[in-house]
């Protein structure tokens, strides 16, 4: 009987420890967004900011792998995202070779 309780206690402690550890993982969040029109050819990728952050932002990734936080619902941001999607499609057909594909990575590839 004592072994059952000690096993249950052990698993409870492990569960609580894992839960607390996962809850304390810091997020890389944007502190502010830049709301000014930028050249669409500067960017190679984009992704939404994590859900646990204070502000709603889209992260644009430059061809030189720098991140820029922008407001996701602005028209100019939507146009850049559309341009990036078309460049990725074109580069996929060209096997990611050529000047236009500089900095563009296949989907699912992290920088």
PDB file of N, CA and C in Angstrom:
ATOM      1  N   UNK A   1       0.817  -1.193   0.000  1.00  0.00           N
ATOM      2  CA  UNK A   1       0.000   0.000   0.000  1.00  0.00           C
ATOM      3  C   UNK A   1       0.860   1.257   0.000  1.00  0.00           C
ATOM      4  N   UNK A   2       1.946   1.209   0.770  1.00  0.00           N
ATOM      5  CA  UNK A   2       2.835   2.366   0.855  1.00  0.00           C
ATOM      6  C   UNK A   2       3.506   2.635  -0.489  1.00  0.00           C
ATOM      7  N   UNK A   3       3.777   1.569  -1.238  1.00  0.00           N
ATOM      8  CA  UNK A   3       4.416   1.752  -2.542  1.00  0.00           C
ATOM      9  C   UNK A   3       3.483   2.470  -3.518  1.00  0.00           C
ATOM     10  N   UNK A   4       2.197   2.183  -3.449  1.00  0.00           N
ATOM     11  CA  UNK A   4       1.245   2.857  -4.331  1.00  0.00           C
ATOM     12  C   UNK A   4       1.225   4.355  -4.058  1.00  0.00           C
ATOM     13  N   UNK A   5       1.172   4.714  -2.788  1.00  0.00           N
ATOM     14  CA  UNK A   5       1.133   6.130  -2.426  1.00  0.00           C
ATOM     15  C   UNK A   5       2.428   6.833  -2.805  1.00  0.00           C
ATOM     16  N   UNK A   6       3.545   6.166  -2.605  1.00  0.00           N
ATOM     17  CA  UNK A   6       4.814   6.815  -2.955  1.00  0.00           C
ATOM     18  C   UNK A   6       4.936   6.976  -4.474  1.00  0.00           C
ATOM     19  N   UNK A   7       4.431   6.002  -5.232  1.00  0.00           N
ATOM     20  CA  UNK A   7       4.461   6.122  -6.692  1.00  0.00           C
ATOM     21  C   UNK A   7       3.545   7.248  -7.159  1.00  0.00           C
ATOM     22  N   UNK A   8       2.355   7.343  -6.569  1.00  0.00           N
ATOM     23  CA  UNK A   8       1.430   8.423  -6.919  1.00  0.00           C
ATOM     24  C   UNK A   8       2.017   9.783  -6.566  1.00  0.00           C
ATOM     25  N   UNK A   9       2.622   9.870  -5.396  1.00  0.00           N
ATOM     26  CA  UNK A   9       3.246  11.120  -4.969  1.00  0.00           C
ATOM     27  C   UNK A   9       4.381  11.507  -5.916  1.00  0.00           C
ATOM     28  N   UNK A  10       5.188  10.529  -6.306  1.00  0.00           N
ATOM     29  CA  UNK A  10       6.300  10.775  -7.228  1.00  0.00           C
ATOM     30  C   UNK A  10       5.785  11.339  -8.558  1.00  0.00           C
ATOM     31  N   UNK A  11       4.755  10.718  -9.134  1.00  0.00           N
ATOM     32  CA  UNK A  11       4.222  11.188 -10.411  1.00  0.00           C
ATOM     33  C   UNK A  11       3.552  12.555 -10.291  1.00  0.00           C
ATOM     34  N   UNK A  12       2.931  12.817  -9.161  1.00  0.00           N
ATOM     35  CA  UNK A  12       2.344  14.151  -8.937  1.00  0.00           C
ATOM     36  C   UNK A  12       3.430  15.221  -8.901  1.00  0.00           C
ATOM     37  N   UNK A  13       4.519  14.933  -8.219  1.00  0.00           N
ATOM     38  CA  UNK A  13       5.631  15.895  -8.139  1.00  0.00           C
ATOM     39  C   UNK A  13       6.232  16.120  -9.523  1.00  0.00           C
ATOM     40  N   UNK A  14       6.435  15.059 -10.279  1.00  0.00           N
ATOM     41  CA  UNK A  14       6.982  15.189 -11.640  1.00  0.00           C
ATOM     42  C   UNK A  14       6.031  16.015 -12.508  1.00  0.00           C
ATOM     43  N   UNK A  15       4.738  15.751 -12.441  1.00  0.00           N
ATOM     44  CA  UNK A  15       3.753  16.481 -13.236  1.00  0.00           C
ATOM     45  C   UNK A  15       3.760  17.967 -12.891  1.00  0.00           C
ATOM     46  N   UNK A  16       3.756  18.283 -11.621  1.00  0.00           N
ATOM     47  CA  UNK A  16       3.758  19.685 -11.185  1.00  0.00           C
ATOM     48  C   UNK A  16       5.041  20.376 -11.620  1.00  0.00           C
ATOM     49  N   UNK A  17       6.166  19.706 -11.492  1.00  0.00           N
ATOM     50  CA  UNK A  17       7.449  20.287 -11.897  1.00  0.00           C
ATOM     51  C   UNK A  17       7.462  20.584 -13.396  1.00  0.00           C
ATOM     52  N   UNK A  18       6.987  19.644 -14.198  1.00  0.00           N
ATOM     53  CA  UNK A  18       6.956  19.856 -15.652  1.00  0.00           C
ATOM     54  C   UNK A  18       6.005  20.985 -16.023  1.00  0.00           C
ATOM     55  N   UNK A  19       4.871  21.059 -15.373  1.00  0.00           N
ATOM     56  CA  UNK A  19       3.899  22.114 -15.656  1.00  0.00           C
ATOM     57  C   UNK A  19       4.475  23.482 -15.340  1.00  0.00           C
ATOM     58  N   UNK A  20       5.120  23.614 -14.205  1.00  0.00           N
ATOM     59  CA  UNK A  20       5.721  24.890 -13.811  1.00  0.00           C
ATOM     60  C   UNK A  20       6.849  25.253 -14.757  1.00  0.00           C
ATOM     61  N   UNK A  21       7.655  24.283 -15.150  1.00  0.00           N
ATOM     62  CA  UNK A  21       8.768  24.542 -16.057  1.00  0.00           C
ATOM     63  C   UNK A  21       8.262  25.028 -17.410  1.00  0.00           C
ATOM     64  N   UNK A  22       7.249  24.386 -17.964  1.00  0.00           N
ATOM     65  CA  UNK A  22       6.722  24.793 -19.265  1.00  0.00           C
ATOM     66  C   UNK A  22       6.056  26.159 -19.207  1.00  0.00           C
ATOM     67  N   UNK A  23       5.475  26.491 -18.089  1.00  0.00           N
ATOM     68  CA  UNK A  23       4.798  27.780 -17.959  1.00  0.00           C
ATOM     69  C   UNK A  23       5.776  28.937 -17.892  1.00  0.00           C
ATOM     70  N   UNK A  24       7.028  28.673 -17.590  1.00  0.00           N
ATOM     71  CA  UNK A  24       7.999  29.743 -17.426  1.00  0.00           C
ATOM     72  C   UNK A  24       8.897  29.939 -18.642  1.00  0.00           C
ATOM     73  N   UNK A  25       8.573  29.322 -19.760  1.00  0.00           N
ATOM     74  CA  UNK A  25       9.369  29.498 -20.974  1.00  0.00           C
ATOM     75  C   UNK A  25       9.127  30.905 -21.506  1.00  0.00           C
ATOM     76  N   UNK A  26      10.190  31.705 -21.641  1.00  0.00           N
ATOM     77  CA  UNK A  26       9.996  33.073 -22.132  1.00  0.00           C
ATOM     78  C   UNK A  26       9.677  33.078 -23.627  1.00  0.00           C
ATOM     79  N   UNK A  27       8.797  33.981 -24.020  1.00  0.00           N
ATOM     80  CA  UNK A  27       8.452  34.143 -25.428  1.00  0.00           C
ATOM     81  C   UNK A  27       9.259  35.298 -26.008  1.00  0.00           C
ATOM     82  N   UNK A  28       9.601  35.187 -27.269  1.00  0.00           N
ATOM     83  CA  UNK A  28      10.279  36.271 -27.964  1.00  0.00           C
ATOM     84  C   UNK A  28       9.192  37.130 -28.596  1.00  0.00           C
ATOM     85  N   UNK A  29       8.802  38.191 -27.895  1.00  0.00           N
ATOM     86  CA  UNK A  29       7.677  39.024 -28.324  1.00  0.00           C
ATOM     87  C   UNK A  29       8.150  40.374 -28.851  1.00  0.00           C
ATOM     88  N   UNK A  30       7.380  40.911 -29.784  1.00  0.00           N
ATOM     89  CA  UNK A  30       7.610  42.277 -30.257  1.00  0.00           C
ATOM     90  C   UNK A  30       7.155  43.247 -29.173  1.00  0.00           C
ATOM     91  N   UNK A  31       7.959  44.246 -28.911  1.00  0.00           N
ATOM     92  CA  UNK A  31       7.597  45.266 -27.929  1.00  0.00           C
ATOM     93  C   UNK A  31       6.847  46.417 -28.581  1.00  0.00           C
ATOM     94  N   UNK A  32       7.044  46.578 -29.885  1.00  0.00           N
ATOM     95  CA  UNK A  32       6.374  47.643 -30.641  1.00  0.00           C
ATOM     96  C   UNK A  32       6.325  47.220 -32.106  1.00  0.00           C
ATOM     97  N   UNK A  33       5.474  47.887 -32.873  1.00  0.00           N
ATOM     98  CA  UNK A  33       5.398  47.628 -34.310  1.00  0.00           C
ATOM     99  C   UNK A  33       5.757  48.899 -35.073  1.00  0.00           C
ATOM    100  N   UNK A  34       6.324  48.719 -36.251  1.00  0.00           N
ATOM    101  CA  UNK A  34       6.649  49.840 -37.137  1.00  0.00           C
ATOM    102  C   UNK A  34       5.561  49.938 -38.190  1.00  0.00           C
ATOM    103  N   UNK A  35       4.877  51.063 -38.231  1.00  0.00           N
ATOM    104  CA  UNK A  35       3.784  51.232 -39.186  1.00  0.00           C
ATOM    105  C   UNK A  35       4.169  52.255 -40.248  1.00  0.00           C
ATOM    106  N   UNK A  36       5.102  51.857 -41.092  1.00  0.00           N
ATOM    107  CA  UNK A  36       5.457  52.693 -42.238  1.00  0.00           C
ATOM    108  C   UNK A  36       5.703  51.778 -43.427  1.00  0.00           C
ATOM    109  N   UNK A  37       5.318  52.230 -44.574  1.00  0.00           N
ATOM    110  CA  UNK A  37       5.419  51.431 -45.787  1.00  0.00           C
ATOM    111  C   UNK A  37       6.876  51.132 -46.111  1.00  0.00           C
ATOM    112  N   UNK A  38       7.141  49.871 -46.446  1.00  0.00           N
ATOM    113  CA  UNK A  38       8.496  49.429 -46.771  1.00  0.00           C
ATOM    114  C   UNK A  38       8.499  48.754 -48.139  1.00  0.00           C
ATOM    115  N   UNK A  39       9.683  48.636 -48.721  1.00  0.00           N
ATOM    116  CA  UNK A  39       9.832  48.003 -50.026  1.00  0.00           C
ATOM    117  C   UNK A  39       9.622  46.491 -49.897  1.00  0.00           C
ATOM    118  N   UNK A  40       8.709  45.957 -50.678  1.00  0.00           N
ATOM    119  CA  UNK A  40       8.368  44.537 -50.585  1.00  0.00           C
ATOM    120  C   UNK A  40       9.513  43.609 -50.979  1.00  0.00           C
ATOM    121  N   UNK A  41      10.467  44.108 -51.763  1.00  0.00           N
ATOM    122  CA  UNK A  41      11.567  43.251 -52.211  1.00  0.00           C
ATOM    123  C   UNK A  41      12.613  43.003 -51.124  1.00  0.00           C
ATOM    124  N   UNK A  42      12.505  43.696 -50.000  1.00  0.00           N
ATOM    125  CA  UNK A  42      13.456  43.503 -48.899  1.00  0.00           C
ATOM    126  C   UNK A  42      13.211  42.213 -48.131  1.00  0.00           C
ATOM    127  N   UNK A  43      12.020  41.634 -48.271  1.00  0.00           N
ATOM    128  CA  UNK A  43      11.609  40.559 -47.378  1.00  0.00           C
ATOM    129  C   UNK A  43      11.536  39.206 -48.071  1.00  0.00           C
ATOM    130  N   UNK A  44      11.876  38.157 -47.294  1.00  0.00           N
ATOM    131  CA  UNK A  44      11.880  36.798 -47.821  1.00  0.00           C
ATOM    132  C   UNK A  44      10.873  35.889 -47.128  1.00  0.00           C
ATOM    133  N   UNK A  45      10.390  36.289 -45.956  1.00  0.00           N
ATOM    134  CA  UNK A  45       9.453  35.437 -45.223  1.00  0.00           C
ATOM    135  C   UNK A  45       8.669  36.273 -44.216  1.00  0.00           C
ATOM    136  N   UNK A  46       7.648  35.666 -43.645  1.00  0.00           N
ATOM    137  CA  UNK A  46       6.857  36.305 -42.590  1.00  0.00           C
ATOM    138  C   UNK A  46       6.216  35.220 -41.737  1.00  0.00           C
ATOM    139  N   UNK A  47       5.892  35.576 -40.513  1.00  0.00           N
ATOM    140  CA  UNK A  47       5.147  34.668 -39.639  1.00  0.00           C
ATOM    141  C   UNK A  47       4.469  35.486 -38.546  1.00  0.00           C
ATOM    142  N   UNK A  48       3.368  34.975 -38.007  1.00  0.00           N
ATOM    143  CA  UNK A  48       2.668  35.716 -36.951  1.00  0.00           C
ATOM    144  C   UNK A  48       3.406  35.590 -35.624  1.00  0.00           C
ATOM    145  N   UNK A  49       3.282  36.611 -34.813  1.00  0.00           N
ATOM    146  CA  UNK A  49       3.866  36.582 -33.481  1.00  0.00           C
ATOM    147  C   UNK A  49       3.117  35.555 -32.621  1.00  0.00           C
ATOM    148  N   UNK A  50       3.794  35.008 -31.631  1.00  0.00           N
ATOM    149  CA  UNK A  50       3.201  34.008 -30.741  1.00  0.00           C
ATOM    150  C   UNK A  50       1.973  34.562 -30.023  1.00  0.00           C
ATOM    151  N   UNK A  51       1.059  33.692 -29.674  1.00  0.00           N
ATOM    152  CA  UNK A  51      -0.211  34.083 -29.049  1.00  0.00           C
ATOM    153  C   UNK A  51      -0.047  34.664 -27.645  1.00  0.00           C
ATOM    154  N   UNK A  52       0.998  34.335 -26.930  1.00  0.00           N
ATOM    155  CA  UNK A  52       1.144  34.796 -25.552  1.00  0.00           C
ATOM    156  C   UNK A  52       1.705  36.196 -25.403  1.00  0.00           C
ATOM    157  N   UNK A  53       1.875  36.915 -26.484  1.00  0.00           N
ATOM    158  CA  UNK A  53       2.477  38.251 -26.440  1.00  0.00           C
ATOM    159  C   UNK A  53       1.409  39.334 -26.263  1.00  0.00           C
ATOM    160  N   UNK A  54       1.835  40.503 -25.782  1.00  0.00           N
ATOM    161  CA  UNK A  54       0.907  41.591 -25.458  1.00  0.00           C
ATOM    162  C   UNK A  54       0.295  42.283 -26.670  1.00  0.00           C
ATOM    163  N   UNK A  55       1.029  42.382 -27.768  1.00  0.00           N
ATOM    164  CA  UNK A  55       0.514  43.085 -28.943  1.00  0.00           C
ATOM    165  C   UNK A  55       0.377  42.125 -30.119  1.00  0.00           C
ATOM    166  N   UNK A  56      -0.539  42.440 -31.006  1.00  0.00           N
ATOM    167  CA  UNK A  56      -0.758  41.658 -32.217  1.00  0.00           C
ATOM    168  C   UNK A  56       0.235  42.147 -33.268  1.00  0.00           C
ATOM    169  N   UNK A  57       1.063  41.247 -33.787  1.00  0.00           N
ATOM    170  CA  UNK A  57       2.075  41.666 -34.760  1.00  0.00           C
ATOM    171  C   UNK A  57       2.367  40.549 -35.750  1.00  0.00           C
ATOM    172  N   UNK A  58       2.786  40.958 -36.943  1.00  0.00           N
ATOM    173  CA  UNK A  58       3.305  40.050 -37.948  1.00  0.00           C
ATOM    174  C   UNK A  58       4.805  40.321 -37.999  1.00  0.00           C
ATOM    175  N   UNK A  59       5.599  39.276 -38.111  1.00  0.00           N
ATOM    176  CA  UNK A  59       7.046  39.446 -38.160  1.00  0.00           C
ATOM    177  C   UNK A  59       7.501  39.207 -39.592  1.00  0.00           C
ATOM    178  N   UNK A  60       8.049  40.249 -40.197  1.00  0.00           N
ATOM    179  CA  UNK A  60       8.613  40.146 -41.540  1.00  0.00           C
ATOM    180  C   UNK A  60      10.095  39.830 -41.399  1.00  0.00           C
ATOM    181  N   UNK A  61      10.576  38.877 -42.198  1.00  0.00           N
ATOM    182  CA  UNK A  61      11.978  38.472 -42.158  1.00  0.00           C
ATOM    183  C   UNK A  61      12.647  38.974 -43.432  1.00  0.00           C
ATOM    184  N   UNK A  62      13.723  39.743 -43.269  1.00  0.00           N
ATOM    185  CA  UNK A  62      14.423  40.274 -44.438  1.00  0.00           C
ATOM    186  C   UNK A  62      15.236  39.179 -45.107  1.00  0.00           C
ATOM    187  N   UNK A  63      15.716  39.475 -46.282  1.00  0.00           N
ATOM    188  CA  UNK A  63      16.554  38.520 -47.010  1.00  0.00           C
ATOM    189  C   UNK A  63      17.874  38.263 -46.281  1.00  0.00           C
ATOM    190  N   UNK A  64      18.245  39.155 -45.403  1.00  0.00           N
ATOM    191  CA  UNK A  64      19.465  38.989 -44.596  1.00  0.00           C
ATOM    192  C   UNK A  64      19.148  38.506 -43.178  1.00  0.00           C
ATOM    193  N   UNK A  65      17.943  37.930 -43.010  1.00  0.00           N
ATOM    194  CA  UNK A  65      17.508  37.264 -41.787  1.00  0.00           C
ATOM    195  C   UNK A  65      17.351  38.182 -40.574  1.00  0.00           C
ATOM    196  N   UNK A  66      16.919  39.401 -40.801  1.00  0.00           N
ATOM    197  CA  UNK A  66      16.579  40.330 -39.715  1.00  0.00           C
ATOM    198  C   UNK A  66      15.061  40.355 -39.582  1.00  0.00           C
ATOM    199  N   UNK A  67      14.570  40.470 -38.357  1.00  0.00           N
ATOM    200  CA  UNK A  67      13.127  40.481 -38.109  1.00  0.00           C
ATOM    201  C   UNK A  67      12.622  41.893 -37.879  1.00  0.00           C
ATOM    202  N   UNK A  68      11.435  42.171 -38.417  1.00  0.00           N
ATOM    203  CA  UNK A  68      10.794  43.467 -38.235  1.00  0.00           C
ATOM    204  C   UNK A  68       9.334  43.234 -37.856  1.00  0.00           C
ATOM    205  N   UNK A  69       8.912  43.818 -36.754  1.00  0.00           N
ATOM    206  CA  UNK A  69       7.536  43.678 -36.277  1.00  0.00           C
ATOM    207  C   UNK A  69       6.658  44.750 -36.909  1.00  0.00           C
ATOM    208  N   UNK A  70       5.563  44.311 -37.523  1.00  0.00           N
ATOM    209  CA  UNK A  70       4.653  45.236 -38.202  1.00  0.00           C
ATOM    210  C   UNK A  70       3.210  44.894 -37.826  1.00  0.00           C
ATOM    211  N   UNK A  71       2.286  45.863 -37.991  1.00  0.00           N
ATOM    212  CA  UNK A  71       0.873  45.584 -37.702  1.00  0.00           C
ATOM    213  C   UNK A  71       0.290  44.650 -38.772  1.00  0.00           C
ATOM    214  N   UNK A  72      -0.303  43.533 -38.383  1.00  0.00           N
ATOM    215  CA  UNK A  72      -0.705  42.514 -39.360  1.00  0.00           C
ATOM    216  C   UNK A  72      -1.884  42.879 -40.254  1.00  0.00           C
ATOM    217  N   UNK A  73      -2.715  43.822 -39.852  1.00  0.00           N
ATOM    218  CA  UNK A  73      -3.932  44.096 -40.614  1.00  0.00           C
ATOM    219  C   UNK A  73      -3.823  45.308 -41.535  1.00  0.00           C
ATOM    220  N   UNK A  74      -2.643  45.899 -41.644  1.00  0.00           N
ATOM    221  CA  UNK A  74      -2.448  47.039 -42.546  1.00  0.00           C
ATOM    222  C   UNK A  74      -2.397  46.544 -43.994  1.00  0.00           C
ATOM    223  N   UNK A  75      -2.905  47.345 -44.899  1.00  0.00           N
ATOM    224  CA  UNK A  75      -2.954  46.974 -46.318  1.00  0.00           C
ATOM    225  C   UNK A  75      -1.555  46.745 -46.872  1.00  0.00           C
ATOM    226  N   UNK A  76      -0.610  47.623 -46.538  1.00  0.00           N
ATOM    227  CA  UNK A  76       0.741  47.480 -47.084  1.00  0.00           C
ATOM    228  C   UNK A  76       1.402  46.193 -46.584  1.00  0.00           C
ATOM    229  N   UNK A  77       1.084  45.751 -45.378  1.00  0.00           N
ATOM    230  CA  UNK A  77       1.634  44.493 -44.852  1.00  0.00           C
ATOM    231  C   UNK A  77       1.027  43.316 -45.611  1.00  0.00           C
ATOM    232  N   UNK A  78      -0.266  43.369 -45.874  1.00  0.00           N
ATOM    233  CA  UNK A  78      -0.933  42.311 -46.636  1.00  0.00           C
ATOM    234  C   UNK A  78      -0.336  42.195 -48.043  1.00  0.00           C
ATOM    235  N   UNK A  79       0.000  43.334 -48.653  1.00  0.00           N
ATOM    236  CA  UNK A  79       0.615  43.322 -49.985  1.00  0.00           C
ATOM    237  C   UNK A  79       2.004  42.692 -49.942  1.00  0.00           C
ATOM    238  N   UNK A  80       2.776  42.997 -48.900  1.00  0.00           N
ATOM    239  CA  UNK A  80       4.106  42.391 -48.762  1.00  0.00           C
ATOM    240  C   UNK A  80       3.975  40.885 -48.575  1.00  0.00           C
ATOM    241  N   UNK A  81       3.030  40.455 -47.747  1.00  0.00           N
ATOM    242  CA  UNK A  81       2.823  39.025 -47.520  1.00  0.00           C
ATOM    243  C   UNK A  81       2.431  38.319 -48.819  1.00  0.00           C
ATOM    244  N   UNK A  82       1.575  38.944 -49.606  1.00  0.00           N
ATOM    245  CA  UNK A  82       1.172  38.381 -50.889  1.00  0.00           C
ATOM    246  C   UNK A  82       2.369  38.284 -51.838  1.00  0.00           C
ATOM    247  N   UNK A  83       3.198  39.327 -51.850  1.00  0.00           N
ATOM    248  CA  UNK A  83       4.401  39.324 -52.685  1.00  0.00           C
ATOM    249  C   UNK A  83       5.347  38.195 -52.262  1.00  0.00           C
ATOM    250  N   UNK A  84       5.541  38.029 -50.961  1.00  0.00           N
ATOM    251  CA  UNK A  84       6.421  36.966 -50.461  1.00  0.00           C
ATOM    252  C   UNK A  84       5.893  35.599 -50.894  1.00  0.00           C
ATOM    253  N   UNK A  85       4.585  35.397 -50.803  1.00  0.00           N
ATOM    254  CA  UNK A  85       3.994  34.126 -51.231  1.00  0.00           C
ATOM    255  C   UNK A  85       4.257  33.861 -52.708  1.00  0.00           C
ATOM    256  N   UNK A  86       4.127  34.891 -53.545  1.00  0.00           N
ATOM    257  CA  UNK A  86       4.363  34.702 -54.981  1.00  0.00           C
ATOM    258  C   UNK A  86       5.842  34.452 -55.272  1.00  0.00           C
ATOM    259  N   UNK A  87       6.731  35.123 -54.548  1.00  0.00           N
ATOM    260  CA  UNK A  87       8.170  34.890 -54.733  1.00  0.00           C
ATOM    261  C   UNK A  87       8.526  33.468 -54.310  1.00  0.00           C
ATOM    262  N   UNK A  88       7.962  33.007 -53.210  1.00  0.00           N
ATOM    263  CA  UNK A  88       8.232  31.634 -52.759  1.00  0.00           C
ATOM    264  C   UNK A  88       7.766  30.611 -53.789  1.00  0.00           C
ATOM    265  N   UNK A  89       6.604  30.847 -54.386  1.00  0.00           N
ATOM    266  CA  UNK A  89       6.093  29.948 -55.422  1.00  0.00           C
ATOM    267  C   UNK A  89       7.020  29.949 -56.629  1.00  0.00           C
ATOM    268  N   UNK A  90       7.447  31.131 -57.048  1.00  0.00           N
ATOM    269  CA  UNK A  90       8.345  31.258 -58.202  1.00  0.00           C
ATOM    270  C   UNK A  90       9.683  30.580 -57.910  1.00  0.00           C
ATOM    271  N   UNK A  91      10.227  30.819 -56.716  1.00  0.00           N
ATOM    272  CA  UNK A  91      11.527  30.246 -56.354  1.00  0.00           C
ATOM    273  C   UNK A  91      11.466  28.725 -56.237  1.00  0.00           C
ATOM    274  N   UNK A  92      10.329  28.221 -55.781  1.00  0.00           N
ATOM    275  CA  UNK A  92      10.172  26.767 -55.691  1.00  0.00           C
ATOM    276  C   UNK A  92      10.267  26.144 -57.080  1.00  0.00           C
ATOM    277  N   UNK A  93       9.658  26.809 -58.075  1.00  0.00           N
ATOM    278  CA  UNK A  93       9.727  26.320 -59.456  1.00  0.00           C
ATOM    279  C   UNK A  93      11.158  26.377 -59.983  1.00  0.00           C
ATOM    280  N   UNK A  94      11.924  27.377 -59.536  1.00  0.00           N
ATOM    281  CA  UNK A  94      13.305  27.562 -60.001  1.00  0.00           C
ATOM    282  C   UNK A  94      14.318  26.874 -59.089  1.00  0.00           C
ATOM    283  N   UNK A  95      13.831  26.049 -58.149  1.00  0.00           N
ATOM    284  CA  UNK A  95      14.693  25.315 -57.224  1.00  0.00           C
ATOM    285  C   UNK A  95      15.525  26.245 -56.342  1.00  0.00           C
ATOM    286  N   UNK A  96      14.962  27.395 -56.009  1.00  0.00           N
ATOM    287  CA  UNK A  96      15.565  28.389 -55.105  1.00  0.00           C
ATOM    288  C   UNK A  96      16.921  28.884 -55.603  1.00  0.00           C
ATOM    289  N   UNK A  97      17.057  28.989 -56.920  1.00  0.00           N
ATOM    290  CA  UNK A  97      18.294  29.502 -57.509  1.00  0.00           C
ATOM    291  C   UNK A  97      18.005  30.816 -58.213  1.00  0.00           C
ATOM    292  N   UNK A  98      18.997  31.668 -58.248  1.00  0.00           N
ATOM    293  CA  UNK A  98      18.852  32.954 -58.916  1.00  0.00           C
ATOM    294  C   UNK A  98      18.807  34.103 -57.932  1.00  0.00           C
ATOM    295  N   UNK A  99      19.064  35.293 -58.456  1.00  0.00           N
ATOM    296  CA  UNK A  99      19.144  36.498 -57.625  1.00  0.00           C
ATOM    297  C   UNK A  99      17.829  36.795 -56.908  1.00  0.00           C
ATOM    298  N   UNK A 100      16.721  36.566 -57.578  1.00  0.00           N
ATOM    299  CA  UNK A 100      15.413  36.858 -56.981  1.00  0.00           C
ATOM    300  C   UNK A 100      15.124  35.972 -55.764  1.00  0.00           C
ATOM    301  N   UNK A 101      15.765  34.822 -55.685  1.00  0.00           N
ATOM    302  CA  UNK A 101      15.522  33.875 -54.594  1.00  0.00           C
ATOM    303  C   UNK A 101      16.522  34.015 -53.448  1.00  0.00           C
ATOM    304  N   UNK A 102      17.375  35.035 -53.483  1.00  0.00           N
ATOM    305  CA  UNK A 102      18.339  35.238 -52.403  1.00  0.00           C
ATOM    306  C   UNK A 102      17.601  35.411 -51.076  1.00  0.00           C
ATOM    307  N   UNK A 103      17.942  34.583 -50.099  1.00  0.00           N
ATOM    308  CA  UNK A 103      17.340  34.670 -48.772  1.00  0.00           C
ATOM    309  C   UNK A 103      16.015  33.953 -48.628  1.00  0.00           C
ATOM    310  N   UNK A 104      15.445  33.466 -49.723  1.00  0.00           N
ATOM    311  CA  UNK A 104      14.163  32.759 -49.667  1.00  0.00           C
ATOM    312  C   UNK A 104      14.439  31.294 -49.366  1.00  0.00           C
ATOM    313  N   UNK A 105      13.774  30.784 -48.338  1.00  0.00           N
ATOM    314  CA  UNK A 105      13.962  29.395 -47.925  1.00  0.00           C
ATOM    315  C   UNK A 105      12.679  28.611 -48.207  1.00  0.00           C
ATOM    316  N   UNK A 106      12.814  27.306 -48.435  1.00  0.00           N
ATOM    317  CA  UNK A 106      11.607  26.478 -48.593  1.00  0.00           C
ATOM    318  C   UNK A 106      10.753  26.537 -47.330  1.00  0.00           C
ATOM    319  N   UNK A 107       9.443  26.383 -47.473  1.00  0.00           N
ATOM    320  CA  UNK A 107       8.552  26.384 -46.309  1.00  0.00           C
ATOM    321  C   UNK A 107       8.961  25.279 -45.346  1.00  0.00           C
ATOM    322  N   UNK A 108       8.877  25.584 -44.059  1.00  0.00           N
ATOM    323  CA  UNK A 108       9.249  24.620 -43.036  1.00  0.00           C
ATOM    324  C   UNK A 108      10.716  24.661 -42.674  1.00  0.00           C
ATOM    325  N   UNK A 109      11.514  25.477 -43.369  1.00  0.00           N
ATOM    326  CA  UNK A 109      12.931  25.601 -43.064  1.00  0.00           C
ATOM    327  C   UNK A 109      13.142  26.811 -42.180  1.00  0.00           C
ATOM    328  N   UNK A 110      13.779  26.609 -41.062  1.00  0.00           N
ATOM    329  CA  UNK A 110      14.070  27.723 -40.161  1.00  0.00           C
ATOM    330  C   UNK A 110      15.405  28.340 -40.530  1.00  0.00           C
ATOM    331  N   UNK A 111      15.533  29.616 -40.271  1.00  0.00           N
ATOM    332  CA  UNK A 111      16.787  30.318 -40.556  1.00  0.00           C
ATOM    333  C   UNK A 111      17.846  29.904 -39.577  1.00  0.00           C
TER     334      UNK A 111
END
